Amino acid sequence: MKKDLNDLPERPERSECPVQADRSGRAALYNYTDMQESTVQAREGFAGRLSALRMARNVSAREMSLSLGQGAGYINNIENGGNLPSMGMFFEICEFLKVSPETFFAYTAQSRPGEMRLLTLLETLPKEKKDVLLVLAELLKD
């Protein structure tokens, strides 16, 4: 919730962060609690997605960590919400999992583990085989 600079209290409430500029350059007060909650949700979503993709590849967190040149607990730490990878490491994680960054974030709450495994495997197939599977899926849907 934004408030005009003239409407600011003398001291911000505990759950609100200090004054920041919005896109137009005007000062505004942002609710810090809302920002914290969305950050926690994003971190949990990332961790869950990483875990699902890793398990679909049938690789342990330790094995993946070491394969990426990190300490044995690196992936476990991410999956438990301790840290997030750097952008460069995120691309290495995607490469290791054989998924594109777009596929990594295409996860939805409705997706099921079997579907995630299928999507992960699909990414590794050459175009010709993907075309064959598309025809087969069209035949099976009826």
Protein backbone atom coordinates (compact mmCIF):
# COMPACT_ATOMS: atom_id res chain seq x y z
CA MET A 1 0.00 0.00 0.00
CA LYS A 2 1.51 3.34 -1.04
CA LYS A 3 1.04 6.58 0.85
CA ASP A 4 1.94 10.04 -0.27
CA LEU A 5 5.03 11.58 1.35
CA ASN A 6 2.87 14.23 3.03
CA ASP A 7 0.82 11.52 4.75
CA LEU A 8 3.81 9.83 6.39
CA PRO A 9 3.76 9.45 10.17
CA GLU A 10 6.67 10.85 12.12
CA ARG A 11 7.96 7.31 12.71
CA PRO A 12 7.05 4.37 10.48
CA GLU A 13 5.20 1.52 12.13
CA ARG A 14 7.26 -1.52 12.97
CA SER A 15 5.99 -3.55 9.98
CA GLU A 16 6.79 -0.84 7.45
CA CYS A 17 10.11 -0.06 5.85
CA PRO A 18 11.50 3.45 5.44
CA VAL A 19 10.51 5.77 2.62
CA GLN A 20 11.55 4.63 -0.86
CA ALA A 21 11.08 6.14 -4.30
CA ASP A 22 8.52 4.46 -6.56
CA ARG A 23 8.82 4.20 -10.36
CA SER A 24 7.74 7.79 -10.90
CA GLY A 25 10.43 9.00 -8.48
CA ARG A 26 7.90 10.04 -5.82
CA ALA A 27 8.52 8.97 -2.28
CA ALA A 28 6.24 6.24 -1.00
CA LEU A 29 5.98 4.00 2.03
CA TYR A 30 5.92 0.28 1.34
CA ASN A 31 4.68 -2.41 3.66
CA TYR A 32 7.78 -4.36 4.60
CA THR A 33 5.81 -7.36 5.90
CA ASP A 34 4.22 -7.92 2.46
CA MET A 35 7.65 -7.85 0.83
CA GLN A 36 9.00 -10.36 3.36
CA GLU A 37 6.07 -12.75 2.83
CA SER A 38 6.43 -12.73 -0.96
CA THR A 39 10.18 -13.33 -0.64
CA VAL A 40 9.58 -16.33 1.63
CA GLN A 41 7.00 -17.75 -0.81
CA ALA A 42 9.37 -17.29 -3.75
CA ARG A 43 12.22 -18.97 -1.86
CA GLU A 44 9.98 -21.93 -0.90
CA GLY A 45 8.74 -22.26 -4.48
CA PHE A 46 12.29 -22.25 -5.84
CA ALA A 47 13.41 -24.82 -3.26
CA GLY A 48 10.47 -27.10 -4.00
CA ARG A 49 11.01 -26.86 -7.74
CA LEU A 50 14.72 -27.63 -7.43
CA SER A 51 13.96 -30.62 -5.24
CA ALA A 52 11.32 -31.97 -7.66
CA LEU A 53 13.61 -31.65 -10.68
CA ARG A 54 16.55 -33.18 -8.85
CA MET A 55 14.47 -36.15 -7.70
CA ALA A 56 13.07 -36.58 -11.22
CA ARG A 57 16.68 -37.03 -12.38
CA ASN A 58 17.21 -39.54 -9.54
CA VAL A 59 20.21 -37.67 -8.12
CA SER A 60 20.98 -37.05 -4.46
CA ALA A 61 21.43 -33.51 -3.18
CA ARG A 62 24.99 -34.36 -2.14
CA GLU A 63 25.87 -35.81 -5.56
CA MET A 64 24.44 -32.77 -7.32
CA SER A 65 26.30 -30.37 -5.02
CA LEU A 66 29.62 -32.06 -5.65
CA SER A 67 28.98 -32.28 -9.42
CA LEU A 68 28.47 -28.51 -9.44
CA GLY A 69 31.81 -28.01 -7.68
CA GLN A 70 30.20 -26.95 -4.42
CA GLY A 71 30.33 -28.27 -0.87
CA ALA A 72 28.39 -31.45 -0.08
CA GLY A 73 25.50 -29.57 1.58
CA TYR A 74 25.05 -26.81 -1.03
CA ILE A 75 21.88 -28.11 -2.74
CA ASN A 76 20.44 -29.30 0.58
CA ASN A 77 20.90 -25.78 1.95
CA ILE A 78 18.99 -24.29 -1.01
CA GLU A 79 16.22 -26.89 -0.77
CA ASN A 80 15.82 -26.17 2.94
CA GLY A 81 15.45 -22.44 2.28
CA GLY A 82 18.85 -21.43 3.65
CA ASN A 83 20.21 -19.72 0.53
CA LEU A 84 19.47 -19.04 -3.09
CA PRO A 85 22.05 -19.65 -5.82
CA SER A 86 23.72 -16.83 -7.73
CA MET A 87 22.45 -16.24 -11.26
CA GLY A 88 25.49 -17.97 -12.72
CA MET A 89 25.03 -20.97 -10.45
CA PHE A 90 21.32 -21.07 -11.33
CA PHE A 91 22.27 -21.52 -15.01
CA GLU A 92 24.70 -24.28 -14.03
CA ILE A 93 21.93 -25.96 -12.02
CA CYS A 94 19.62 -25.80 -15.04
CA GLU A 95 22.34 -27.27 -17.23
CA PHE A 96 22.96 -30.07 -14.73
CA LEU A 97 19.22 -30.84 -14.56
CA LYS A 98 18.98 -30.60 -18.35
CA VAL A 99 16.16 -28.06 -18.24
CA SER A 100 15.94 -24.53 -19.58
CA PRO A 101 15.47 -21.66 -17.11
CA GLU A 102 11.98 -21.22 -18.61
CA THR A 103 11.10 -24.82 -17.82
CA PHE A 104 12.53 -24.47 -14.33
CA PHE A 105 10.08 -21.65 -13.58
CA ALA A 106 7.17 -23.18 -15.53
CA TYR A 107 6.27 -25.25 -12.50
CA THR A 108 2.75 -24.79 -11.16
CA ALA A 109 1.11 -26.04 -8.00
CA GLN A 110 -1.11 -28.33 -10.12
CA SER A 111 1.88 -30.17 -11.57
CA ARG A 112 2.43 -33.66 -10.27
CA PRO A 113 5.78 -35.44 -9.87
CA GLY A 114 5.09 -37.79 -12.82
CA GLU A 115 4.32 -34.83 -15.05
CA MET A 116 7.49 -33.09 -13.90
CA ARG A 117 9.54 -36.20 -14.71
CA LEU A 118 7.92 -36.34 -18.14
CA LEU A 119 8.70 -32.66 -18.81
CA THR A 120 12.28 -33.13 -17.65
CA LEU A 121 12.78 -36.14 -19.91
CA LEU A 122 11.06 -34.37 -22.80
CA GLU A 123 13.62 -31.57 -22.67
CA THR A 124 16.42 -34.05 -23.36
CA LEU A 125 14.86 -35.54 -26.50
CA PRO A 126 15.76 -34.45 -30.03
CA LYS A 127 13.05 -32.63 -32.04
CA GLU A 128 12.16 -35.66 -34.16
CA LYS A 129 11.35 -37.76 -31.11
CA LYS A 130 9.37 -34.90 -29.57
CA ASP A 131 7.28 -34.78 -32.75
CA VAL A 132 6.61 -38.53 -32.50
CA LEU A 133 5.51 -38.11 -28.87
CA LEU A 134 3.22 -35.24 -29.84
CA VAL A 135 1.46 -37.44 -32.41
CA LEU A 136 1.22 -40.25 -29.86
CA ALA A 137 -0.21 -37.88 -27.21
CA GLU A 138 -2.83 -36.68 -29.69
CA LEU A 139 -3.85 -40.32 -30.33
CA LEU A 140 -3.98 -41.14 -26.60
CA LYS A 141 -6.05 -38.15 -25.51
CA ASP A 142 -9.31 -39.64 -26.89
